[in-house]
């Protein structure tokens, strides 16, 4: 299905244009025939924050093609509203929709700092790189008020555990002081996720993220302070932003980025219908071409889940994208060295204290 939403109007303030029911709900209600109901106007959504006392924070990443060992996500759902986000499906586990709910109902793990301390104090924890965030952006707007991500960085500094940051938000610059201290012990890397250089695309693809210019500025600012940085050119959407790879990698390298990565878009679960609905409304002139090329990347489907294929695509188009990426990285001096992390200085705080009696 293409037009899933109650009407064909395009909401420029949202990524998802409608709210499909969670697959875990037994019943739901929908709005139909709105023209016959005089007093039922289209709802204006305000962001709602749900404060949760979570049981866990750190997730062990077992997928062999992700490139991280552990991730921590202080927030579930993301107000940035990126329509392609693979994390949308996880919102259904909370009983919410992967559509508009994902970007308007934000779960805040208010006890995240205490959970991280508990993890680091555990004898089973072996020092390893902790990624903020592997699912939703740890610097989305609510972080400005909650400062949970900042507290997590302070705890990583206290325990001297290495931490990687990836974000689309310039708010990360607020925590320069903590990140500088982490960098003195080789405990941090900062990555900016940049999908294009075209602001017109960003406004509909990632409606509430920082501008691309701001994200390149993040790389430049940290690089000038000697803090290692990188860029994730992800996801690449053929026919929409893949042709901007050259400019993204060139600008990132010029800003001081040392490393680069990419993934191609994959539309698993509810994201397939959400993205298709958005695509035919936002870019009706090229929607068929884009959709067919996404399918060509995944063996005729849009939701390939095979390890090793799902991130980089398959077939001639996948090969072409990889060849271009490798070429541009060589041209701009990216990925010329491996990331070396300091894990030898990790320390437990409570277990090192002398007993009081």
C-alpha atoms as a PDB file:
ATOM      1  CA  UNK A   1       0.000   0.000   0.000  1.00  0.00           C
ATOM      2  CA  UNK A   2       1.180   3.521  -0.723  1.00  0.00           C
ATOM      3  CA  UNK A   3      -1.138   6.050   0.881  1.00  0.00           C
ATOM      4  CA  UNK A   4      -1.680   4.622   4.337  1.00  0.00           C
ATOM      5  CA  UNK A   5      -2.491   7.829   6.191  1.00  0.00           C
ATOM      6  CA  UNK A   6      -5.888   9.373   6.758  1.00  0.00           C
ATOM      7  CA  UNK A   7      -5.297  11.986   4.050  1.00  0.00           C
ATOM      8  CA  UNK A   8      -2.730  12.859   1.426  1.00  0.00           C
ATOM      9  CA  UNK A   9      -1.439  16.023   3.050  1.00  0.00           C
ATOM     10  CA  UNK A  10       2.298  16.063   3.698  1.00  0.00           C
ATOM     11  CA  UNK A  11       3.322  17.115   7.195  1.00  0.00           C
ATOM     12  CA  UNK A  12       6.706  18.800   6.776  1.00  0.00           C
ATOM     13  CA  UNK A  13       7.314  18.646  10.521  1.00  0.00           C
ATOM     14  CA  UNK A  14       7.222  14.860  10.577  1.00  0.00           C
ATOM     15  CA  UNK A  15       9.145  12.016   9.049  1.00  0.00           C
ATOM     16  CA  UNK A  16       6.436   9.360   9.288  1.00  0.00           C
ATOM     17  CA  UNK A  17       3.167  10.618   7.876  1.00  0.00           C
ATOM     18  CA  UNK A  18       0.880   8.224   9.743  1.00  0.00           C
ATOM     19  CA  UNK A  19       0.689   5.861  12.694  1.00  0.00           C
ATOM     20  CA  UNK A  20       0.431   2.158  11.770  1.00  0.00           C
ATOM     21  CA  UNK A  21      -0.735  -0.040  14.661  1.00  0.00           C
ATOM     22  CA  UNK A  22       1.860  -1.903  16.688  1.00  0.00           C
ATOM     23  CA  UNK A  23       2.027  -5.554  15.667  1.00  0.00           C
ATOM     24  CA  UNK A  24       1.834  -6.487  19.332  1.00  0.00           C
ATOM     25  CA  UNK A  25      -1.561  -4.855  19.959  1.00  0.00           C
ATOM     26  CA  UNK A  26      -4.635  -7.063  19.695  1.00  0.00           C
ATOM     27  CA  UNK A  27      -6.975  -4.191  18.851  1.00  0.00           C
ATOM     28  CA  UNK A  28      -6.696  -0.634  17.599  1.00  0.00           C
ATOM     29  CA  UNK A  29      -8.820   2.195  16.218  1.00  0.00           C
ATOM     30  CA  UNK A  30      -8.428   4.256  13.075  1.00  0.00           C
ATOM     31  CA  UNK A  31      -9.766   7.533  11.725  1.00  0.00           C
ATOM     32  CA  UNK A  32     -11.836   7.026   8.575  1.00  0.00           C
ATOM     33  CA  UNK A  33     -14.013   9.281   6.415  1.00  0.00           C
ATOM     34  CA  UNK A  34     -12.841  12.439   8.129  1.00  0.00           C
ATOM     35  CA  UNK A  35     -14.840  14.554   5.686  1.00  0.00           C
ATOM     36  CA  UNK A  36     -18.033  13.379   7.381  1.00  0.00           C
ATOM     37  CA  UNK A  37     -16.977  14.393  10.874  1.00  0.00           C
ATOM     38  CA  UNK A  38     -17.089  18.159  11.330  1.00  0.00           C
ATOM     39  CA  UNK A  39     -15.329  18.353  14.674  1.00  0.00           C
ATOM     40  CA  UNK A  40     -12.598  15.752  14.109  1.00  0.00           C
ATOM     41  CA  UNK A  41      -9.684  17.671  12.732  1.00  0.00           C
ATOM     42  CA  UNK A  42      -6.217  16.336  12.117  1.00  0.00           C
ATOM     43  CA  UNK A  43      -4.459  16.033  15.467  1.00  0.00           C
ATOM     44  CA  UNK A  44      -1.520  18.317  16.158  1.00  0.00           C
ATOM     45  CA  UNK A  45       0.986  16.152  17.966  1.00  0.00           C
ATOM     46  CA  UNK A  46       3.081  17.502  20.802  1.00  0.00           C
ATOM     47  CA  UNK A  47       6.049  15.529  22.009  1.00  0.00           C
ATOM     48  CA  UNK A  48       5.247  13.421  25.058  1.00  0.00           C
ATOM     49  CA  UNK A  49       7.952  12.154  27.404  1.00  0.00           C
ATOM     50  CA  UNK A  50       7.474   8.888  29.272  1.00  0.00           C
ATOM     51  CA  UNK A  51       9.849   8.535  32.228  1.00  0.00           C
ATOM     52  CA  UNK A  52      10.867   4.961  32.828  1.00  0.00           C
ATOM     53  CA  UNK A  53      12.839   3.143  35.522  1.00  0.00           C
ATOM     54  CA  UNK A  54      14.544   0.679  33.225  1.00  0.00           C
ATOM     55  CA  UNK A  55      16.045  -2.616  34.353  1.00  0.00           C
ATOM     56  CA  UNK A  56      18.917  -2.586  31.866  1.00  0.00           C
ATOM     57  CA  UNK A  57      20.819  -0.045  29.798  1.00  0.00           C
ATOM     58  CA  UNK A  58      23.795  -1.709  28.139  1.00  0.00           C
ATOM     59  CA  UNK A  59      23.066  -4.082  25.264  1.00  0.00           C
ATOM     60  CA  UNK A  60      25.549  -6.622  23.980  1.00  0.00           C
ATOM     61  CA  UNK A  61      25.563  -6.406  20.182  1.00  0.00           C
ATOM     62  CA  UNK A  62      25.748  -9.876  18.660  1.00  0.00           C
ATOM     63  CA  UNK A  63      25.231  -8.883  15.020  1.00  0.00           C
ATOM     64  CA  UNK A  64      28.559  -9.477  13.228  1.00  0.00           C
ATOM     65  CA  UNK A  65      28.144  -6.610  10.736  1.00  0.00           C
ATOM     66  CA  UNK A  66      27.329  -3.725  13.090  1.00  0.00           C
ATOM     67  CA  UNK A  67      30.841  -2.806  14.195  1.00  0.00           C
ATOM     68  CA  UNK A  68      30.183  -2.350  17.908  1.00  0.00           C
ATOM     69  CA  UNK A  69      30.299  -4.629  20.930  1.00  0.00           C
ATOM     70  CA  UNK A  70      28.040  -2.787  23.373  1.00  0.00           C
ATOM     71  CA  UNK A  71      25.526   0.014  23.029  1.00  0.00           C
ATOM     72  CA  UNK A  72      23.624   2.161  25.488  1.00  0.00           C
ATOM     73  CA  UNK A  73      20.508   4.141  24.636  1.00  0.00           C
ATOM     74  CA  UNK A  74      19.270   6.608  27.252  1.00  0.00           C
ATOM     75  CA  UNK A  75      16.191   7.361  25.128  1.00  0.00           C
ATOM     76  CA  UNK A  76      13.782   5.173  23.158  1.00  0.00           C
ATOM     77  CA  UNK A  77      12.000   6.807  20.281  1.00  0.00           C
ATOM     78  CA  UNK A  78      13.604   9.823  18.664  1.00  0.00           C
ATOM     79  CA  UNK A  79      12.244  13.297  18.102  1.00  0.00           C
ATOM     80  CA  UNK A  80      14.551  13.823  15.116  1.00  0.00           C
ATOM     81  CA  UNK A  81      11.944  11.991  13.039  1.00  0.00           C
ATOM     82  CA  UNK A  82      14.216  10.365  10.434  1.00  0.00           C
ATOM     83  CA  UNK A  83      11.732   8.439   8.301  1.00  0.00           C
ATOM     84  CA  UNK A  84      14.115   5.588   7.443  1.00  0.00           C
ATOM     85  CA  UNK A  85      15.269   4.867  11.017  1.00  0.00           C
ATOM     86  CA  UNK A  86      15.716   1.146  11.680  1.00  0.00           C
ATOM     87  CA  UNK A  87      14.986   1.754  15.375  1.00  0.00           C
ATOM     88  CA  UNK A  88      11.338   2.534  14.657  1.00  0.00           C
ATOM     89  CA  UNK A  89      10.393  -1.134  14.979  1.00  0.00           C
ATOM     90  CA  UNK A  90      11.678  -1.268  18.565  1.00  0.00           C
ATOM     91  CA  UNK A  91       8.997   1.224  19.606  1.00  0.00           C
ATOM     92  CA  UNK A  92       6.370  -1.449  19.044  1.00  0.00           C
ATOM     93  CA  UNK A  93       7.767  -3.397  22.002  1.00  0.00           C
ATOM     94  CA  UNK A  94       6.619  -0.505  24.190  1.00  0.00           C
ATOM     95  CA  UNK A  95       3.102  -0.781  22.743  1.00  0.00           C
ATOM     96  CA  UNK A  96       3.552   2.279  20.537  1.00  0.00           C
ATOM     97  CA  UNK A  97       3.513   2.745  16.790  1.00  0.00           C
ATOM     98  CA  UNK A  98       6.671   2.762  14.686  1.00  0.00           C
ATOM     99  CA  UNK A  99       5.213   5.779  12.876  1.00  0.00           C
ATOM    100  CA  UNK A 100       4.393   9.132  14.438  1.00  0.00           C
ATOM    101  CA  UNK A 101       4.506   7.626  17.947  1.00  0.00           C
ATOM    102  CA  UNK A 102       8.198   6.881  17.481  1.00  0.00           C
ATOM    103  CA  UNK A 103       9.010  10.559  17.059  1.00  0.00           C
ATOM    104  CA  UNK A 104       6.426  12.003  19.454  1.00  0.00           C
ATOM    105  CA  UNK A 105       6.393   9.551  22.406  1.00  0.00           C
ATOM    106  CA  UNK A 106       9.910   9.508  23.823  1.00  0.00           C
ATOM    107  CA  UNK A 107      10.813   7.058  26.575  1.00  0.00           C
ATOM    108  CA  UNK A 108      13.367   8.599  28.937  1.00  0.00           C
ATOM    109  CA  UNK A 109      15.496   6.166  30.942  1.00  0.00           C
ATOM    110  CA  UNK A 110      15.953   8.441  33.924  1.00  0.00           C
ATOM    111  CA  UNK A 111      17.957   5.880  35.892  1.00  0.00           C
ATOM    112  CA  UNK A 112      20.438   5.255  33.059  1.00  0.00           C
ATOM    113  CA  UNK A 113      23.452   6.680  34.966  1.00  0.00           C
ATOM    114  CA  UNK A 114      22.938   4.384  37.960  1.00  0.00           C
ATOM    115  CA  UNK A 115      22.490   1.417  35.618  1.00  0.00           C
ATOM    116  CA  UNK A 116      25.780   2.188  33.892  1.00  0.00           C
ATOM    117  CA  UNK A 117      27.607   2.468  37.211  1.00  0.00           C
ATOM    118  CA  UNK A 118      26.158  -0.863  38.261  1.00  0.00           C
ATOM    119  CA  UNK A 119      27.379  -2.409  35.018  1.00  0.00           C
ATOM    120  CA  UNK A 120      30.910  -1.036  35.403  1.00  0.00           C
ATOM    121  CA  UNK A 121      31.073  -2.217  39.014  1.00  0.00           C
ATOM    122  CA  UNK A 122      30.050  -5.729  38.039  1.00  0.00           C
ATOM    123  CA  UNK A 123      32.901  -8.227  38.096  1.00  0.00           C
ATOM    124  CA  UNK A 124      31.586  -9.654  34.839  1.00  0.00           C
ATOM    125  CA  UNK A 125      32.244  -6.402  32.955  1.00  0.00           C
ATOM    126  CA  UNK A 126      35.376  -6.493  30.849  1.00  0.00           C
ATOM    127  CA  UNK A 127      36.390  -3.032  29.614  1.00  0.00           C
ATOM    128  CA  UNK A 128      35.176  -2.530  26.037  1.00  0.00           C
ATOM    129  CA  UNK A 129      34.002   0.298  23.825  1.00  0.00           C
ATOM    130  CA  UNK A 130      30.512   1.476  24.734  1.00  0.00           C
ATOM    131  CA  UNK A 131      28.594   3.088  21.855  1.00  0.00           C
ATOM    132  CA  UNK A 132      26.237   6.009  22.437  1.00  0.00           C
ATOM    133  CA  UNK A 133      23.895   5.390  20.721  1.00  0.00           C
ATOM    134  CA  UNK A 134      23.355   2.229  18.746  1.00  0.00           C
ATOM    135  CA  UNK A 135      19.616   2.704  18.394  1.00  0.00           C
ATOM    136  CA  UNK A 136      18.271   6.237  18.886  1.00  0.00           C
ATOM    137  CA  UNK A 137      20.148   9.534  19.071  1.00  0.00           C
ATOM    138  CA  UNK A 138      21.607  10.205  22.512  1.00  0.00           C
ATOM    139  CA  UNK A 139      21.638  13.963  21.742  1.00  0.00           C
ATOM    140  CA  UNK A 140      18.043  14.386  20.634  1.00  0.00           C
ATOM    141  CA  UNK A 141      16.298  17.558  21.912  1.00  0.00           C
ATOM    142  CA  UNK A 142      15.266  16.243  25.356  1.00  0.00           C
ATOM    143  CA  UNK A 143      18.947  15.731  26.200  1.00  0.00           C
ATOM    144  CA  UNK A 144      19.349  19.506  26.463  1.00  0.00           C
ATOM    145  CA  UNK A 145      17.167  19.409  29.564  1.00  0.00           C
ATOM    146  CA  UNK A 146      17.825  15.931  30.974  1.00  0.00           C
ATOM    147  CA  UNK A 147      21.623  15.769  30.478  1.00  0.00           C
ATOM    148  CA  UNK A 148      21.550  11.978  30.793  1.00  0.00           C
ATOM    149  CA  UNK A 149      24.086  11.480  27.998  1.00  0.00           C
ATOM    150  CA  UNK A 150      26.420  13.938  29.671  1.00  0.00           C
ATOM    151  CA  UNK A 151      26.169  11.965  32.920  1.00  0.00           C
ATOM    152  CA  UNK A 152      26.954   8.749  31.054  1.00  0.00           C
ATOM    153  CA  UNK A 153      30.069  10.356  29.590  1.00  0.00           C
ATOM    154  CA  UNK A 154      31.116  11.521  33.060  1.00  0.00           C
ATOM    155  CA  UNK A 155      30.739   7.975  34.355  1.00  0.00           C
ATOM    156  CA  UNK A 156      32.821   6.626  31.452  1.00  0.00           C
ATOM    157  CA  UNK A 157      35.475   9.162  32.424  1.00  0.00           C
ATOM    158  CA  UNK A 158      35.271   8.203  36.097  1.00  0.00           C
ATOM    159  CA  UNK A 159      35.717   4.508  35.312  1.00  0.00           C
ATOM    160  CA  UNK A 160      38.014   5.175  32.345  1.00  0.00           C
ATOM    161  CA  UNK A 161      35.922   3.088  29.983  1.00  0.00           C
ATOM    162  CA  UNK A 162      36.168   3.916  26.254  1.00  0.00           C
ATOM    163  CA  UNK A 163      33.087   5.394  24.612  1.00  0.00           C
ATOM    164  CA  UNK A 164      32.053   6.104  21.037  1.00  0.00           C
ATOM    165  CA  UNK A 165      29.490   8.774  20.170  1.00  0.00           C
ATOM    166  CA  UNK A 166      27.392   9.038  17.018  1.00  0.00           C
ATOM    167  CA  UNK A 167      24.819  11.780  16.585  1.00  0.00           C
ATOM    168  CA  UNK A 168      22.989  14.040  14.159  1.00  0.00           C
ATOM    169  CA  UNK A 169      22.781  16.838  16.706  1.00  0.00           C
ATOM    170  CA  UNK A 170      25.209  19.715  17.338  1.00  0.00           C
ATOM    171  CA  UNK A 171      24.271  19.547  21.032  1.00  0.00           C
ATOM    172  CA  UNK A 172      27.253  17.219  21.462  1.00  0.00           C
ATOM    173  CA  UNK A 173      29.453  20.346  21.445  1.00  0.00           C
ATOM    174  CA  UNK A 174      27.999  21.247  24.850  1.00  0.00           C
ATOM    175  CA  UNK A 175      29.940  18.360  26.361  1.00  0.00           C
ATOM    176  CA  UNK A 176      33.293  19.379  24.918  1.00  0.00           C
ATOM    177  CA  UNK A 177      34.840  19.621  28.394  1.00  0.00           C
ATOM    178  CA  UNK A 178      34.056  16.015  29.340  1.00  0.00           C
ATOM    179  CA  UNK A 179      35.010  14.729  25.899  1.00  0.00           C
ATOM    180  CA  UNK A 180      38.350  16.553  26.086  1.00  0.00           C
ATOM    181  CA  UNK A 181      39.127  14.794  29.375  1.00  0.00           C
ATOM    182  CA  UNK A 182      38.185  11.440  27.877  1.00  0.00           C
ATOM    183  CA  UNK A 183      40.410  12.165  24.900  1.00  0.00           C
ATOM    184  CA  UNK A 184      43.447  12.761  27.122  1.00  0.00           C
ATOM    185  CA  UNK A 185      43.328   9.021  27.900  1.00  0.00           C
ATOM    186  CA  UNK A 186      42.363   7.919  24.383  1.00  0.00           C
ATOM    187  CA  UNK A 187      38.865   6.971  25.501  1.00  0.00           C
ATOM    188  CA  UNK A 188      36.591   8.663  22.955  1.00  0.00           C
ATOM    189  CA  UNK A 189      35.676   9.014  19.280  1.00  0.00           C
ATOM    190  CA  UNK A 190      32.951  11.323  17.932  1.00  0.00           C
ATOM    191  CA  UNK A 191      31.079  10.437  14.743  1.00  0.00           C
ATOM    192  CA  UNK A 192      28.556  12.605  12.964  1.00  0.00           C
ATOM    193  CA  UNK A 193      25.866  10.923  10.874  1.00  0.00           C
ATOM    194  CA  UNK A 194      25.497  12.881   7.618  1.00  0.00           C
ATOM    195  CA  UNK A 195      23.208  11.626   4.867  1.00  0.00           C
ATOM    196  CA  UNK A 196      23.583  14.357   2.240  1.00  0.00           C
ATOM    197  CA  UNK A 197      24.632  17.942   1.590  1.00  0.00           C
ATOM    198  CA  UNK A 198      21.222  19.003   0.241  1.00  0.00           C
ATOM    199  CA  UNK A 199      19.201  20.826   2.901  1.00  0.00           C
ATOM    200  CA  UNK A 200      15.978  20.439   0.912  1.00  0.00           C
ATOM    201  CA  UNK A 201      16.306  16.659   1.265  1.00  0.00           C
ATOM    202  CA  UNK A 202      17.209  16.896   4.955  1.00  0.00           C
ATOM    203  CA  UNK A 203      14.086  18.904   5.780  1.00  0.00           C
ATOM    204  CA  UNK A 204      11.797  16.099   4.625  1.00  0.00           C
ATOM    205  CA  UNK A 205      14.059  13.088   5.293  1.00  0.00           C
ATOM    206  CA  UNK A 206      15.238  14.110   8.786  1.00  0.00           C
ATOM    207  CA  UNK A 207      12.915  16.999   9.670  1.00  0.00           C
ATOM    208  CA  UNK A 208      14.141  17.885  13.165  1.00  0.00           C
ATOM    209  CA  UNK A 209      17.847  17.185  12.970  1.00  0.00           C
ATOM    210  CA  UNK A 210      20.677  19.736  12.949  1.00  0.00           C
ATOM    211  CA  UNK A 211      21.542  21.157   9.543  1.00  0.00           C
ATOM    212  CA  UNK A 212      24.265  19.449   7.542  1.00  0.00           C
ATOM    213  CA  UNK A 213      26.395  22.564   7.916  1.00  0.00           C
ATOM    214  CA  UNK A 214      26.112  22.256  11.703  1.00  0.00           C
ATOM    215  CA  UNK A 215      27.166  18.617  11.584  1.00  0.00           C
ATOM    216  CA  UNK A 216      30.259  19.367   9.520  1.00  0.00           C
ATOM    217  CA  UNK A 217      30.983  22.117  12.059  1.00  0.00           C
ATOM    218  CA  UNK A 218      30.832  19.492  14.818  1.00  0.00           C
ATOM    219  CA  UNK A 219      33.545  17.489  13.057  1.00  0.00           C
ATOM    220  CA  UNK A 220      35.661  20.585  12.498  1.00  0.00           C
ATOM    221  CA  UNK A 221      35.344  21.823  16.089  1.00  0.00           C
ATOM    222  CA  UNK A 222      36.290  18.503  17.674  1.00  0.00           C
ATOM    223  CA  UNK A 223      39.085  17.881  15.157  1.00  0.00           C
ATOM    224  CA  UNK A 224      40.674  21.241  15.949  1.00  0.00           C
ATOM    225  CA  UNK A 225      40.758  20.149  19.601  1.00  0.00           C
ATOM    226  CA  UNK A 226      42.608  16.983  18.636  1.00  0.00           C
ATOM    227  CA  UNK A 227      39.603  14.748  19.291  1.00  0.00           C
ATOM    228  CA  UNK A 228      39.348  11.895  16.752  1.00  0.00           C
ATOM    229  CA  UNK A 229      36.268  12.156  14.551  1.00  0.00           C
ATOM    230  CA  UNK A 230      34.535  10.281  11.772  1.00  0.00           C
ATOM    231  CA  UNK A 231      31.486  10.420   9.533  1.00  0.00           C
ATOM    232  CA  UNK A 232      28.718   7.916   8.885  1.00  0.00           C
ATOM    233  CA  UNK A 233      27.231   8.482   5.438  1.00  0.00           C
ATOM    234  CA  UNK A 234      24.140   6.476   6.225  1.00  0.00           C
ATOM    235  CA  UNK A 235      21.779   5.381   5.046  1.00  0.00           C
ATOM    236  CA  UNK A 236      22.386   5.747   1.333  1.00  0.00           C
ATOM    237  CA  UNK A 237      19.071   5.769  -0.530  1.00  0.00           C
ATOM    238  CA  UNK A 238      19.537   5.136  -4.262  1.00  0.00           C
ATOM    239  CA  UNK A 239      17.994   7.822  -6.430  1.00  0.00           C
ATOM    240  CA  UNK A 240      17.659  10.152  -3.454  1.00  0.00           C
ATOM    241  CA  UNK A 241      20.989  10.811  -1.719  1.00  0.00           C
ATOM    242  CA  UNK A 242      23.502   8.242  -2.990  1.00  0.00           C
ATOM    243  CA  UNK A 243      24.781  10.715  -5.577  1.00  0.00           C
ATOM    244  CA  UNK A 244      25.899  13.008  -2.721  1.00  0.00           C
ATOM    245  CA  UNK A 245      28.407  10.532  -1.268  1.00  0.00           C
ATOM    246  CA  UNK A 246      31.354  12.283  -2.938  1.00  0.00           C
ATOM    247  CA  UNK A 247      30.445  15.669  -1.485  1.00  0.00           C
ATOM    248  CA  UNK A 248      29.725  14.305   1.994  1.00  0.00           C
ATOM    249  CA  UNK A 249      33.042  12.464   2.269  1.00  0.00           C
ATOM    250  CA  UNK A 250      34.990  15.372   0.778  1.00  0.00           C
ATOM    251  CA  UNK A 251      33.483  17.887   3.203  1.00  0.00           C
ATOM    252  CA  UNK A 252      33.912  15.530   6.174  1.00  0.00           C
ATOM    253  CA  UNK A 253      37.583  14.981   5.363  1.00  0.00           C
ATOM    254  CA  UNK A 254      38.092  18.722   4.960  1.00  0.00           C
ATOM    255  CA  UNK A 255      36.532  19.179   8.407  1.00  0.00           C
ATOM    256  CA  UNK A 256      39.066  16.787   9.909  1.00  0.00           C
ATOM    257  CA  UNK A 257      37.277  13.437   9.917  1.00  0.00           C
ATOM    258  CA  UNK A 258      39.673  10.476   9.971  1.00  0.00           C
ATOM    259  CA  UNK A 259      37.231   7.657   9.343  1.00  0.00           C
ATOM    260  CA  UNK A 260      34.087   7.048   7.328  1.00  0.00           C
ATOM    261  CA  UNK A 261      31.438   4.399   7.079  1.00  0.00           C
ATOM    262  CA  UNK A 262      28.240   3.835   5.146  1.00  0.00           C
ATOM    263  CA  UNK A 263      25.161   1.649   5.031  1.00  0.00           C
ATOM    264  CA  UNK A 264      22.412   1.363   2.455  1.00  0.00           C
ATOM    265  CA  UNK A 265      18.789   1.796   3.432  1.00  0.00           C
ATOM    266  CA  UNK A 266      16.855  -1.304   4.421  1.00  0.00           C
ATOM    267  CA  UNK A 267      13.188  -1.176   5.277  1.00  0.00           C
ATOM    268  CA  UNK A 268      12.421  -3.990   7.676  1.00  0.00           C
ATOM    269  CA  UNK A 269       9.185  -4.510   9.555  1.00  0.00           C
ATOM    270  CA  UNK A 270       6.771  -1.586   9.762  1.00  0.00           C
ATOM    271  CA  UNK A 271       9.361   0.769   8.255  1.00  0.00           C
ATOM    272  CA  UNK A 272       8.645  -0.502   4.743  1.00  0.00           C
ATOM    273  CA  UNK A 273       5.085   0.848   4.612  1.00  0.00           C
ATOM    274  CA  UNK A 274       6.007   3.992   6.574  1.00  0.00           C
ATOM    275  CA  UNK A 275       8.831   4.829   4.181  1.00  0.00           C
ATOM    276  CA  UNK A 276       6.821   4.015   1.064  1.00  0.00           C
ATOM    277  CA  UNK A 277       3.929   6.205   2.189  1.00  0.00           C
ATOM    278  CA  UNK A 278       6.395   9.041   2.855  1.00  0.00           C
ATOM    279  CA  UNK A 279       8.291   8.525  -0.411  1.00  0.00           C
ATOM    280  CA  UNK A 280       5.261   8.778  -2.689  1.00  0.00           C
ATOM    281  CA  UNK A 281       4.145  11.960  -0.929  1.00  0.00           C
ATOM    282  CA  UNK A 282       7.524  13.669  -0.604  1.00  0.00           C
ATOM    283  CA  UNK A 283       8.984  12.710  -4.003  1.00  0.00           C
ATOM    284  CA  UNK A 284       6.131  11.549  -6.264  1.00  0.00           C
ATOM    285  CA  UNK A 285       8.157  12.338  -9.405  1.00  0.00           C
ATOM    286  CA  UNK A 286      10.855   9.762  -8.580  1.00  0.00           C
ATOM    287  CA  UNK A 287       9.168   7.473  -6.077  1.00  0.00           C
ATOM    288  CA  UNK A 288       8.898   4.483  -8.431  1.00  0.00           C
ATOM    289  CA  UNK A 289      12.571   4.725  -9.393  1.00  0.00           C
ATOM    290  CA  UNK A 290      13.759   5.020  -5.785  1.00  0.00           C
ATOM    291  CA  UNK A 291      11.585   2.140  -4.598  1.00  0.00           C
ATOM    292  CA  UNK A 292      12.713  -0.136  -7.420  1.00  0.00           C
ATOM    293  CA  UNK A 293      16.377   0.654  -6.792  1.00  0.00           C
ATOM    294  CA  UNK A 294      16.028  -0.092  -3.080  1.00  0.00           C
ATOM    295  CA  UNK A 295      14.527  -3.442  -4.095  1.00  0.00           C
ATOM    296  CA  UNK A 296      17.412  -4.036  -6.481  1.00  0.00           C
ATOM    297  CA  UNK A 297      19.829  -3.600  -3.572  1.00  0.00           C
ATOM    298  CA  UNK A 298      18.181  -6.406  -1.618  1.00  0.00           C
ATOM    299  CA  UNK A 299      17.460  -9.124  -4.147  1.00  0.00           C
ATOM    300  CA  UNK A 300      14.020  -7.821  -5.108  1.00  0.00           C
ATOM    301  CA  UNK A 301      12.956  -7.039  -1.525  1.00  0.00           C
ATOM    302  CA  UNK A 302      13.378  -3.966   0.647  1.00  0.00           C
ATOM    303  CA  UNK A 303      13.976  -5.757   3.953  1.00  0.00           C
ATOM    304  CA  UNK A 304      16.954  -8.075   3.477  1.00  0.00           C
ATOM    305  CA  UNK A 305      18.140  -9.252   6.915  1.00  0.00           C
ATOM    306  CA  UNK A 306      21.128 -11.358   5.878  1.00  0.00           C
ATOM    307  CA  UNK A 307      24.293 -10.512   7.796  1.00  0.00           C
ATOM    308  CA  UNK A 308      26.927  -9.139   5.478  1.00  0.00           C
ATOM    309  CA  UNK A 309      24.380  -8.106   2.840  1.00  0.00           C
ATOM    310  CA  UNK A 310      21.795  -6.044   4.686  1.00  0.00           C
ATOM    311  CA  UNK A 311      24.126  -3.110   5.396  1.00  0.00           C
ATOM    312  CA  UNK A 312      25.855  -2.794   2.018  1.00  0.00           C
ATOM    313  CA  UNK A 313      23.337  -4.204  -0.416  1.00  0.00           C
ATOM    314  CA  UNK A 314      23.603  -6.790  -3.134  1.00  0.00           C
ATOM    315  CA  UNK A 315      23.927  -6.989  -6.895  1.00  0.00           C
ATOM    316  CA  UNK A 316      25.439  -4.543  -9.363  1.00  0.00           C
ATOM    317  CA  UNK A 317      24.142  -1.472  -7.543  1.00  0.00           C
ATOM    318  CA  UNK A 318      25.580  -2.627  -4.222  1.00  0.00           C
ATOM    319  CA  UNK A 319      28.940  -3.281  -5.890  1.00  0.00           C
ATOM    320  CA  UNK A 320      28.905   0.162  -7.502  1.00  0.00           C
ATOM    321  CA  UNK A 321      28.172   1.926  -4.199  1.00  0.00           C
ATOM    322  CA  UNK A 322      30.983   0.064  -2.435  1.00  0.00           C
ATOM    323  CA  UNK A 323      33.453   0.809  -5.239  1.00  0.00           C
ATOM    324  CA  UNK A 324      32.596   4.520  -5.109  1.00  0.00           C
ATOM    325  CA  UNK A 325      32.921   4.597  -1.334  1.00  0.00           C
ATOM    326  CA  UNK A 326      36.339   2.929  -1.409  1.00  0.00           C
ATOM    327  CA  UNK A 327      37.497   5.282  -4.179  1.00  0.00           C
ATOM    328  CA  UNK A 328      36.412   8.438  -2.348  1.00  0.00           C
ATOM    329  CA  UNK A 329      37.949   7.267   0.934  1.00  0.00           C
ATOM    330  CA  UNK A 330      41.295   6.792  -0.784  1.00  0.00           C
ATOM    331  CA  UNK A 331      40.965  10.118  -2.581  1.00  0.00           C
ATOM    332  CA  UNK A 332      40.187  12.062   0.596  1.00  0.00           C
ATOM    333  CA  UNK A 333      42.484  10.168   2.968  1.00  0.00           C
ATOM    334  CA  UNK A 334      39.781   8.507   5.067  1.00  0.00           C
ATOM    335  CA  UNK A 335      40.153   5.144   6.852  1.00  0.00           C
ATOM    336  CA  UNK A 336      43.925   5.235   6.553  1.00  0.00           C
ATOM    337  CA  UNK A 337      44.413   3.930  10.081  1.00  0.00           C
ATOM    338  CA  UNK A 338      42.602   1.658  12.488  1.00  0.00           C
ATOM    339  CA  UNK A 339      40.998   3.008  15.618  1.00  0.00           C
ATOM    340  CA  UNK A 340      43.065   2.135  18.668  1.00  0.00           C
ATOM    341  CA  UNK A 341      41.221   2.277  21.995  1.00  0.00           C
ATOM    342  CA  UNK A 342      42.536   2.392  25.530  1.00  0.00           C
ATOM    343  CA  UNK A 343      41.013  -0.381  27.635  1.00  0.00           C
ATOM    344  CA  UNK A 344      43.941  -0.987  29.985  1.00  0.00           C
ATOM    345  CA  UNK A 345      43.192   1.960  32.301  1.00  0.00           C
ATOM    346  CA  UNK A 346      39.676   0.865  33.262  1.00  0.00           C
ATOM    347  CA  UNK A 347      39.090   0.898  37.025  1.00  0.00           C
ATOM    348  CA  UNK A 348      36.281   0.028  39.365  1.00  0.00           C
ATOM    349  CA  UNK A 349      35.537   2.679  41.956  1.00  0.00           C
ATOM    350  CA  UNK A 350      33.559   1.031  44.720  1.00  0.00           C
ATOM    351  CA  UNK A 351      35.534  -2.206  44.651  1.00  0.00           C
ATOM    352  CA  UNK A 352      38.806  -0.279  45.039  1.00  0.00           C
ATOM    353  CA  UNK A 353      37.685   1.588  48.138  1.00  0.00           C
ATOM    354  CA  UNK A 354      38.950   0.394  51.509  1.00  0.00           C
ATOM    355  CA  UNK A 355      36.266  -0.883  53.893  1.00  0.00           C
ATOM    356  CA  UNK A 356      35.184   1.661  56.494  1.00  0.00           C
ATOM    357  CA  UNK A 357      35.215  -0.835  59.352  1.00  0.00           C
END
